[in-house]
Amino acid sequence: MQLVRFKLTDGRFSYKVNIWTDDIPNFDIFFKDDLQCPIVIILASARLCKFLGIVEIATLPSTKIYINLEIDYVLRFRQRHKFELVELRHLYNHPHCIVDGTPDHAIDIAGTIRDIERVGFIQTHVGQKNFVRFVLFDGSVSVKVTVWDENIVVLNQILENNFEEILIVVLATMRARLFLGSVQVSTTSNSRIYINITYDPILHIRQRLIDQGYVAPVNPT
């Protein structure tokens, strides 16, 4: 038996999940960097437990696990929770973009990447944290973005290859704050990055950039 750990979220709340399984390949989808949509998982007959005030979910021998079922409930859930994109121009007056403190609500945004930097790092009280900074542009407004730690691996295909087309990314479950008149967005532990997915708002952003004569930039060397 091997242990698979991940966070499960319904868009509002997150829980840690511990799955004991003999079928690790069944979970390969969790480790792919080119997902076209969020994963929806159903845990039937799982166990809830509370440890040090934190609620966790664990499997039992009788637990059944279903991933991305093509049933009405899952399709409706995926549609409802796929993305709630906020246009970049609306971030400056958005209630979830705050000036002071830590944002307590997440947002989804989309655009093309410009001025991407190489991986940097800083030392914190919990050890080294890696980050990548870039500018997200949707054809009308630009915002500064910082991607931390585990989400950096998704950007490797952009860092390591020249742009052959306009890449549009969806940054899901991000935190936004207003600093010195500029919006700054950063990833959270629940953030995911999707690149060039087939999704109507993404197609609209790409077409807007094409209509403007936008040319994909060359990566830094």
C-alpha atoms as a PDB file:
ATOM      1  CA  MET A   1       0.000   0.000   0.000  1.00  0.00           C
ATOM      2  CA  GLN A   2       1.211   3.484  -0.845  1.00  0.00           C
ATOM      3  CA  LEU A   3       0.015   6.856   0.356  1.00  0.00           C
ATOM      4  CA  VAL A   4      -1.220   9.652  -1.922  1.00  0.00           C
ATOM      5  CA  ARG A   5      -1.793  13.046  -0.311  1.00  0.00           C
ATOM      6  CA  PHE A   6      -3.470  16.096  -1.811  1.00  0.00           C
ATOM      7  CA  LYS A   7      -5.849  18.956  -1.032  1.00  0.00           C
ATOM      8  CA  LEU A   8      -9.504  18.699  -1.983  1.00  0.00           C
ATOM      9  CA  THR A   9     -11.457  21.914  -2.544  1.00  0.00           C
ATOM     10  CA  ASP A  10     -14.989  22.721  -3.625  1.00  0.00           C
ATOM     11  CA  GLY A  11     -14.061  26.310  -4.443  1.00  0.00           C
ATOM     12  CA  ARG A  12     -14.759  27.568  -0.915  1.00  0.00           C
ATOM     13  CA  PHE A  13     -13.208  25.132   1.563  1.00  0.00           C
ATOM     14  CA  SER A  14     -10.124  22.915   1.375  1.00  0.00           C
ATOM     15  CA  TYR A  15      -9.343  19.664   3.162  1.00  0.00           C
ATOM     16  CA  LYS A  16      -6.302  17.435   3.297  1.00  0.00           C
ATOM     17  CA  VAL A  17      -6.910  13.969   1.868  1.00  0.00           C
ATOM     18  CA  ASN A  18      -4.896  10.824   2.610  1.00  0.00           C
ATOM     19  CA  ILE A  19      -5.496   7.924   0.240  1.00  0.00           C
ATOM     20  CA  TRP A  20      -3.999   4.475   0.788  1.00  0.00           C
ATOM     21  CA  THR A  21      -3.911   2.584  -2.493  1.00  0.00           C
ATOM     22  CA  ASP A  22      -2.272  -0.257  -4.407  1.00  0.00           C
ATOM     23  CA  ASP A  23      -3.044   1.470  -7.716  1.00  0.00           C
ATOM     24  CA  ILE A  24      -0.698   4.477  -7.844  1.00  0.00           C
ATOM     25  CA  PRO A  25      -0.842   4.716 -11.706  1.00  0.00           C
ATOM     26  CA  ASN A  26      -4.548   5.508 -11.304  1.00  0.00           C
ATOM     27  CA  PHE A  27      -3.445   8.838  -9.844  1.00  0.00           C
ATOM     28  CA  ASP A  28      -1.037   9.820 -12.636  1.00  0.00           C
ATOM     29  CA  ILE A  29      -3.511  12.468 -13.756  1.00  0.00           C
ATOM     30  CA  PHE A  30      -2.788  14.404 -10.552  1.00  0.00           C
ATOM     31  CA  PHE A  31       0.821  14.932 -11.615  1.00  0.00           C
ATOM     32  CA  LYS A  32       0.285  16.099 -15.189  1.00  0.00           C
ATOM     33  CA  ASP A  33       1.261  19.669 -16.000  1.00  0.00           C
ATOM     34  CA  ASP A  34      -0.905  20.031 -19.118  1.00  0.00           C
ATOM     35  CA  LEU A  35      -4.370  19.461 -17.689  1.00  0.00           C
ATOM     36  CA  GLN A  36      -7.158  20.820 -19.870  1.00  0.00           C
ATOM     37  CA  CYS A  37      -9.614  21.124 -16.987  1.00  0.00           C
ATOM     38  CA  PRO A  38      -9.712  20.785 -13.210  1.00  0.00           C
ATOM     39  CA  ILE A  39      -9.895  17.278 -11.745  1.00  0.00           C
ATOM     40  CA  VAL A  40     -13.161  16.337 -10.063  1.00  0.00           C
ATOM     41  CA  ILE A  41     -12.864  13.420  -7.650  1.00  0.00           C
ATOM     42  CA  ILE A  42     -15.594  11.623  -5.732  1.00  0.00           C
ATOM     43  CA  LEU A  43     -14.669   9.797  -2.532  1.00  0.00           C
ATOM     44  CA  ALA A  44     -17.462   7.411  -1.590  1.00  0.00           C
ATOM     45  CA  SER A  45     -17.527   6.091   2.001  1.00  0.00           C
ATOM     46  CA  ALA A  46     -14.468   8.062   3.126  1.00  0.00           C
ATOM     47  CA  ARG A  47     -13.715   8.925   6.749  1.00  0.00           C
ATOM     48  CA  LEU A  48     -13.570  12.408   8.273  1.00  0.00           C
ATOM     49  CA  CYS A  49     -11.191  12.970  11.155  1.00  0.00           C
ATOM     50  CA  LYS A  50     -10.064  15.985  13.130  1.00  0.00           C
ATOM     51  CA  PHE A  51      -6.475  16.390  14.293  1.00  0.00           C
ATOM     52  CA  LEU A  52      -5.199  19.457  16.142  1.00  0.00           C
ATOM     53  CA  GLY A  53      -8.242  21.365  14.994  1.00  0.00           C
ATOM     54  CA  ILE A  54      -7.730  20.464  11.303  1.00  0.00           C
ATOM     55  CA  VAL A  55     -10.302  18.355   9.469  1.00  0.00           C
ATOM     56  CA  GLU A  56      -8.789  15.685   7.224  1.00  0.00           C
ATOM     57  CA  ILE A  57     -10.275  13.040   4.937  1.00  0.00           C
ATOM     58  CA  ALA A  58      -8.919   9.499   4.858  1.00  0.00           C
ATOM     59  CA  THR A  59      -9.883   6.417   2.886  1.00  0.00           C
ATOM     60  CA  LEU A  60     -11.160   3.165   4.344  1.00  0.00           C
ATOM     61  CA  PRO A  61     -10.869  -0.338   2.864  1.00  0.00           C
ATOM     62  CA  SER A  62     -14.433   0.142   1.598  1.00  0.00           C
ATOM     63  CA  THR A  63     -13.822   3.585   0.053  1.00  0.00           C
ATOM     64  CA  LYS A  64     -14.491   3.903  -3.660  1.00  0.00           C
ATOM     65  CA  ILE A  65     -12.684   6.576  -5.693  1.00  0.00           C
ATOM     66  CA  TYR A  66     -14.026   8.011  -8.924  1.00  0.00           C
ATOM     67  CA  ILE A  67     -12.060  10.520 -11.021  1.00  0.00           C
ATOM     68  CA  ASN A  68     -13.636  12.772 -13.683  1.00  0.00           C
ATOM     69  CA  LEU A  69     -16.771  10.688 -14.095  1.00  0.00           C
ATOM     70  CA  GLU A  70     -18.909  11.618 -17.091  1.00  0.00           C
ATOM     71  CA  ILE A  71     -22.088  11.965 -15.060  1.00  0.00           C
ATOM     72  CA  ASP A  72     -24.422  14.934 -14.716  1.00  0.00           C
ATOM     73  CA  TYR A  73     -23.365  15.854 -11.185  1.00  0.00           C
ATOM     74  CA  VAL A  74     -19.658  15.965 -12.068  1.00  0.00           C
ATOM     75  CA  LEU A  75     -20.280  17.828 -15.324  1.00  0.00           C
ATOM     76  CA  ARG A  76     -22.393  20.436 -13.523  1.00  0.00           C
ATOM     77  CA  PHE A  77     -19.826  20.727 -10.731  1.00  0.00           C
ATOM     78  CA  ARG A  78     -16.999  21.184 -13.220  1.00  0.00           C
ATOM     79  CA  GLN A  79     -18.910  23.795 -15.167  1.00  0.00           C
ATOM     80  CA  ARG A  80     -19.834  25.652 -11.974  1.00  0.00           C
ATOM     81  CA  HIS A  81     -16.330  25.530 -10.557  1.00  0.00           C
ATOM     82  CA  LYS A  82     -14.279  25.573 -13.720  1.00  0.00           C
ATOM     83  CA  PHE A  83     -13.272  29.209 -13.649  1.00  0.00           C
ATOM     84  CA  GLU A  84     -14.815  32.465 -12.527  1.00  0.00           C
ATOM     85  CA  LEU A  85     -12.548  34.748 -14.509  1.00  0.00           C
ATOM     86  CA  VAL A  86     -12.111  38.325 -13.393  1.00  0.00           C
ATOM     87  CA  GLU A  87     -11.074  40.716 -16.162  1.00  0.00           C
ATOM     88  CA  LEU A  88      -7.756  42.356 -15.332  1.00  0.00           C
ATOM     89  CA  ARG A  89      -9.241  45.839 -15.676  1.00  0.00           C
ATOM     90  CA  HIS A  90     -11.730  45.012 -12.927  1.00  0.00           C
ATOM     91  CA  LEU A  91      -9.067  44.021 -10.407  1.00  0.00           C
ATOM     92  CA  TYR A  92      -8.387  47.629  -9.399  1.00  0.00           C
ATOM     93  CA  ASN A  93     -11.912  47.937  -7.991  1.00  0.00           C
ATOM     94  CA  HIS A  94     -12.550  44.309  -7.157  1.00  0.00           C
ATOM     95  CA  PRO A  95     -13.599  43.574  -3.550  1.00  0.00           C
ATOM     96  CA  HIS A  96     -11.166  40.640  -3.357  1.00  0.00           C
ATOM     97  CA  CYS A  97      -8.186  42.858  -4.253  1.00  0.00           C
ATOM     98  CA  ILE A  98      -7.182  44.471  -0.960  1.00  0.00           C
ATOM     99  CA  VAL A  99      -4.663  47.105   0.100  1.00  0.00           C
ATOM    100  CA  ASP A 100      -3.763  45.927   3.606  1.00  0.00           C
ATOM    101  CA  GLY A 101      -3.515  42.497   5.169  1.00  0.00           C
ATOM    102  CA  THR A 102      -3.779  39.089   3.547  1.00  0.00           C
ATOM    103  CA  PRO A 103      -6.524  38.561   0.956  1.00  0.00           C
ATOM    104  CA  ASP A 104      -9.054  36.001   2.206  1.00  0.00           C
ATOM    105  CA  HIS A 105     -10.710  35.339  -1.158  1.00  0.00           C
ATOM    106  CA  ALA A 106      -9.163  33.883  -4.285  1.00  0.00           C
ATOM    107  CA  ILE A 107      -9.679  34.912  -7.907  1.00  0.00           C
ATOM    108  CA  ASP A 108      -9.181  33.429 -11.382  1.00  0.00           C
ATOM    109  CA  ILE A 109      -7.538  35.529 -14.096  1.00  0.00           C
ATOM    110  CA  ALA A 110      -6.239  34.942 -17.621  1.00  0.00           C
ATOM    111  CA  GLY A 111      -3.925  36.535 -20.164  1.00  0.00           C
ATOM    112  CA  THR A 112      -0.667  36.102 -22.013  1.00  0.00           C
ATOM    113  CA  ILE A 113       2.722  36.118 -20.316  1.00  0.00           C
ATOM    114  CA  ARG A 114       5.244  38.908 -20.928  1.00  0.00           C
ATOM    115  CA  ASP A 115       8.610  39.778 -19.389  1.00  0.00           C
ATOM    116  CA  ILE A 116       8.984  36.383 -17.730  1.00  0.00           C
ATOM    117  CA  GLU A 117      12.023  36.140 -15.468  1.00  0.00           C
ATOM    118  CA  ARG A 118      14.264  33.259 -14.512  1.00  0.00           C
ATOM    119  CA  VAL A 119      13.624  31.382 -11.275  1.00  0.00           C
ATOM    120  CA  GLY A 120      14.703  33.320  -8.181  1.00  0.00           C
ATOM    121  CA  PHE A 121      14.645  32.464  -4.505  1.00  0.00           C
ATOM    122  CA  ILE A 122      14.473  34.042  -1.091  1.00  0.00           C
ATOM    123  CA  GLN A 123      15.249  32.718   2.369  1.00  0.00           C
ATOM    124  CA  THR A 124      12.362  32.693   4.834  1.00  0.00           C
ATOM    125  CA  HIS A 125      11.884  31.417   8.376  1.00  0.00           C
ATOM    126  CA  VAL A 126      10.598  28.134   6.901  1.00  0.00           C
ATOM    127  CA  GLY A 127      13.478  27.760   4.426  1.00  0.00           C
ATOM    128  CA  GLN A 128      14.123  28.660   0.812  1.00  0.00           C
ATOM    129  CA  LYS A 129      11.177  29.628  -1.384  1.00  0.00           C
ATOM    130  CA  ASN A 130      11.505  29.748  -5.163  1.00  0.00           C
ATOM    131  CA  PHE A 131       9.570  32.120  -7.380  1.00  0.00           C
ATOM    132  CA  VAL A 132       9.096  33.322 -10.946  1.00  0.00           C
ATOM    133  CA  ARG A 133       7.808  36.775 -11.813  1.00  0.00           C
ATOM    134  CA  PHE A 134       6.150  37.910 -15.022  1.00  0.00           C
ATOM    135  CA  VAL A 135       3.578  40.336 -16.407  1.00  0.00           C
ATOM    136  CA  LEU A 136       0.122  39.091 -17.364  1.00  0.00           C
ATOM    137  CA  PHE A 137      -1.500  40.982 -20.260  1.00  0.00           C
ATOM    138  CA  ASP A 138      -5.013  40.468 -21.660  1.00  0.00           C
ATOM    139  CA  GLY A 139      -4.905  42.983 -24.489  1.00  0.00           C
ATOM    140  CA  SER A 140      -5.942  45.967 -22.410  1.00  0.00           C
ATOM    141  CA  VAL A 141      -4.425  45.791 -18.906  1.00  0.00           C
ATOM    142  CA  SER A 142      -1.226  44.360 -17.408  1.00  0.00           C
ATOM    143  CA  VAL A 143      -0.683  43.077 -13.870  1.00  0.00           C
ATOM    144  CA  LYS A 144       2.410  41.772 -12.099  1.00  0.00           C
ATOM    145  CA  VAL A 145       2.330  38.098 -11.105  1.00  0.00           C
ATOM    146  CA  THR A 146       4.517  36.052  -8.769  1.00  0.00           C
ATOM    147  CA  VAL A 147       4.383  32.267  -8.988  1.00  0.00           C
ATOM    148  CA  TRP A 148       5.746  30.351  -5.998  1.00  0.00           C
ATOM    149  CA  ASP A 149       7.302  26.919  -5.515  1.00  0.00           C
ATOM    150  CA  GLU A 150       5.282  23.962  -6.829  1.00  0.00           C
ATOM    151  CA  ASN A 151       3.529  25.967  -9.545  1.00  0.00           C
ATOM    152  CA  ILE A 152       6.858  26.925 -11.145  1.00  0.00           C
ATOM    153  CA  VAL A 153       7.161  23.515 -12.814  1.00  0.00           C
ATOM    154  CA  VAL A 154       4.137  24.339 -14.985  1.00  0.00           C
ATOM    155  CA  LEU A 155       6.005  27.340 -16.387  1.00  0.00           C
ATOM    156  CA  ASN A 156       9.048  25.277 -17.405  1.00  0.00           C
ATOM    157  CA  GLN A 157       7.650  24.621 -20.869  1.00  0.00           C
ATOM    158  CA  ILE A 158       7.477  28.396 -21.352  1.00  0.00           C
ATOM    159  CA  LEU A 159      10.910  29.077 -19.889  1.00  0.00           C
ATOM    160  CA  GLU A 160      12.618  26.304 -21.845  1.00  0.00           C
ATOM    161  CA  ASN A 161      11.015  26.832 -25.261  1.00  0.00           C
ATOM    162  CA  ASN A 162      10.536  29.789 -27.577  1.00  0.00           C
ATOM    163  CA  PHE A 163       6.971  30.980 -28.055  1.00  0.00           C
ATOM    164  CA  GLU A 164       5.545  29.671 -31.336  1.00  0.00           C
ATOM    165  CA  GLU A 165       2.098  31.132 -30.731  1.00  0.00           C
ATOM    166  CA  ILE A 166       0.370  33.434 -28.309  1.00  0.00           C
ATOM    167  CA  LEU A 167       0.184  31.471 -25.075  1.00  0.00           C
ATOM    168  CA  ILE A 168      -2.817  32.194 -22.892  1.00  0.00           C
ATOM    169  CA  VAL A 169      -2.699  31.028 -19.294  1.00  0.00           C
ATOM    170  CA  VAL A 170      -5.445  30.722 -16.707  1.00  0.00           C
ATOM    171  CA  LEU A 171      -4.219  31.412 -13.187  1.00  0.00           C
ATOM    172  CA  ALA A 172      -6.779  29.817 -10.898  1.00  0.00           C
ATOM    173  CA  THR A 173      -7.208  30.476  -7.165  1.00  0.00           C
ATOM    174  CA  MET A 174      -4.864  33.464  -6.944  1.00  0.00           C
ATOM    175  CA  ARG A 175      -4.480  36.230  -4.348  1.00  0.00           C
ATOM    176  CA  ALA A 176      -4.561  39.880  -5.450  1.00  0.00           C
ATOM    177  CA  ARG A 177      -3.517  43.033  -3.628  1.00  0.00           C
ATOM    178  CA  LEU A 178      -3.168  46.694  -4.528  1.00  0.00           C
ATOM    179  CA  PHE A 179       0.286  48.114  -3.762  1.00  0.00           C
ATOM    180  CA  LEU A 180       1.365  51.675  -4.603  1.00  0.00           C
ATOM    181  CA  GLY A 181      -1.406  51.925  -7.175  1.00  0.00           C
ATOM    182  CA  SER A 182      -0.530  48.662  -8.967  1.00  0.00           C
ATOM    183  CA  VAL A 183      -2.230  45.275  -8.758  1.00  0.00           C
ATOM    184  CA  GLN A 184       0.046  42.414  -7.713  1.00  0.00           C
ATOM    185  CA  VAL A 185      -1.107  38.819  -7.951  1.00  0.00           C
ATOM    186  CA  SER A 186       0.506  35.729  -6.425  1.00  0.00           C
ATOM    187  CA  THR A 187      -0.146  32.008  -6.229  1.00  0.00           C
ATOM    188  CA  THR A 188      -1.412  30.169  -3.169  1.00  0.00           C
ATOM    189  CA  SER A 189      -0.979  26.556  -2.105  1.00  0.00           C
ATOM    190  CA  ASN A 190      -4.234  25.800  -3.968  1.00  0.00           C
ATOM    191  CA  SER A 191      -3.387  27.664  -7.195  1.00  0.00           C
ATOM    192  CA  ARG A 192      -3.259  25.910 -10.535  1.00  0.00           C
ATOM    193  CA  ILE A 193      -1.987  27.115 -13.903  1.00  0.00           C
ATOM    194  CA  TYR A 194      -3.555  26.010 -17.188  1.00  0.00           C
ATOM    195  CA  ILE A 195      -1.874  26.756 -20.522  1.00  0.00           C
ATOM    196  CA  ASN A 196      -3.705  27.119 -23.865  1.00  0.00           C
ATOM    197  CA  ILE A 197      -6.842  25.293 -22.793  1.00  0.00           C
ATOM    198  CA  THR A 198      -9.929  25.167 -24.992  1.00  0.00           C
ATOM    199  CA  TYR A 199     -12.273  27.555 -23.218  1.00  0.00           C
ATOM    200  CA  ASP A 200     -14.343  30.330 -24.808  1.00  0.00           C
ATOM    201  CA  PRO A 201     -13.002  33.262 -22.711  1.00  0.00           C
ATOM    202  CA  ILE A 202      -9.446  32.136 -23.534  1.00  0.00           C
ATOM    203  CA  LEU A 203     -10.221  32.046 -27.248  1.00  0.00           C
ATOM    204  CA  HIS A 204     -11.655  35.569 -26.970  1.00  0.00           C
ATOM    205  CA  ILE A 205      -8.492  36.891 -25.304  1.00  0.00           C
ATOM    206  CA  ARG A 206      -6.289  35.299 -27.963  1.00  0.00           C
ATOM    207  CA  GLN A 207      -8.421  36.742 -30.766  1.00  0.00           C
ATOM    208  CA  ARG A 208      -8.304  40.197 -29.151  1.00  0.00           C
ATOM    209  CA  LEU A 209      -4.501  40.048 -29.079  1.00  0.00           C
ATOM    210  CA  ILE A 210      -4.357  38.840 -32.695  1.00  0.00           C
ATOM    211  CA  ASP A 211      -6.648  41.678 -33.785  1.00  0.00           C
ATOM    212  CA  GLN A 212      -4.267  44.115 -32.081  1.00  0.00           C
ATOM    213  CA  GLY A 213      -1.324  42.656 -34.004  1.00  0.00           C
ATOM    214  CA  TYR A 214       0.235  41.303 -30.831  1.00  0.00           C
ATOM    215  CA  VAL A 215       3.365  39.191 -31.444  1.00  0.00           C
ATOM    216  CA  ALA A 216       4.464  36.548 -28.954  1.00  0.00           C
ATOM    217  CA  PRO A 217       7.731  37.612 -27.270  1.00  0.00           C
ATOM    218  CA  VAL A 218      11.017  35.730 -27.295  1.00  0.00           C
ATOM    219  CA  ASN A 219      11.936  34.024 -24.043  1.00  0.00           C
ATOM    220  CA  PRO A 220      14.827  35.320 -21.930  1.00  0.00           C
ATOM    221  CA  THR A 221      18.141  33.534 -22.396  1.00  0.00           C
END
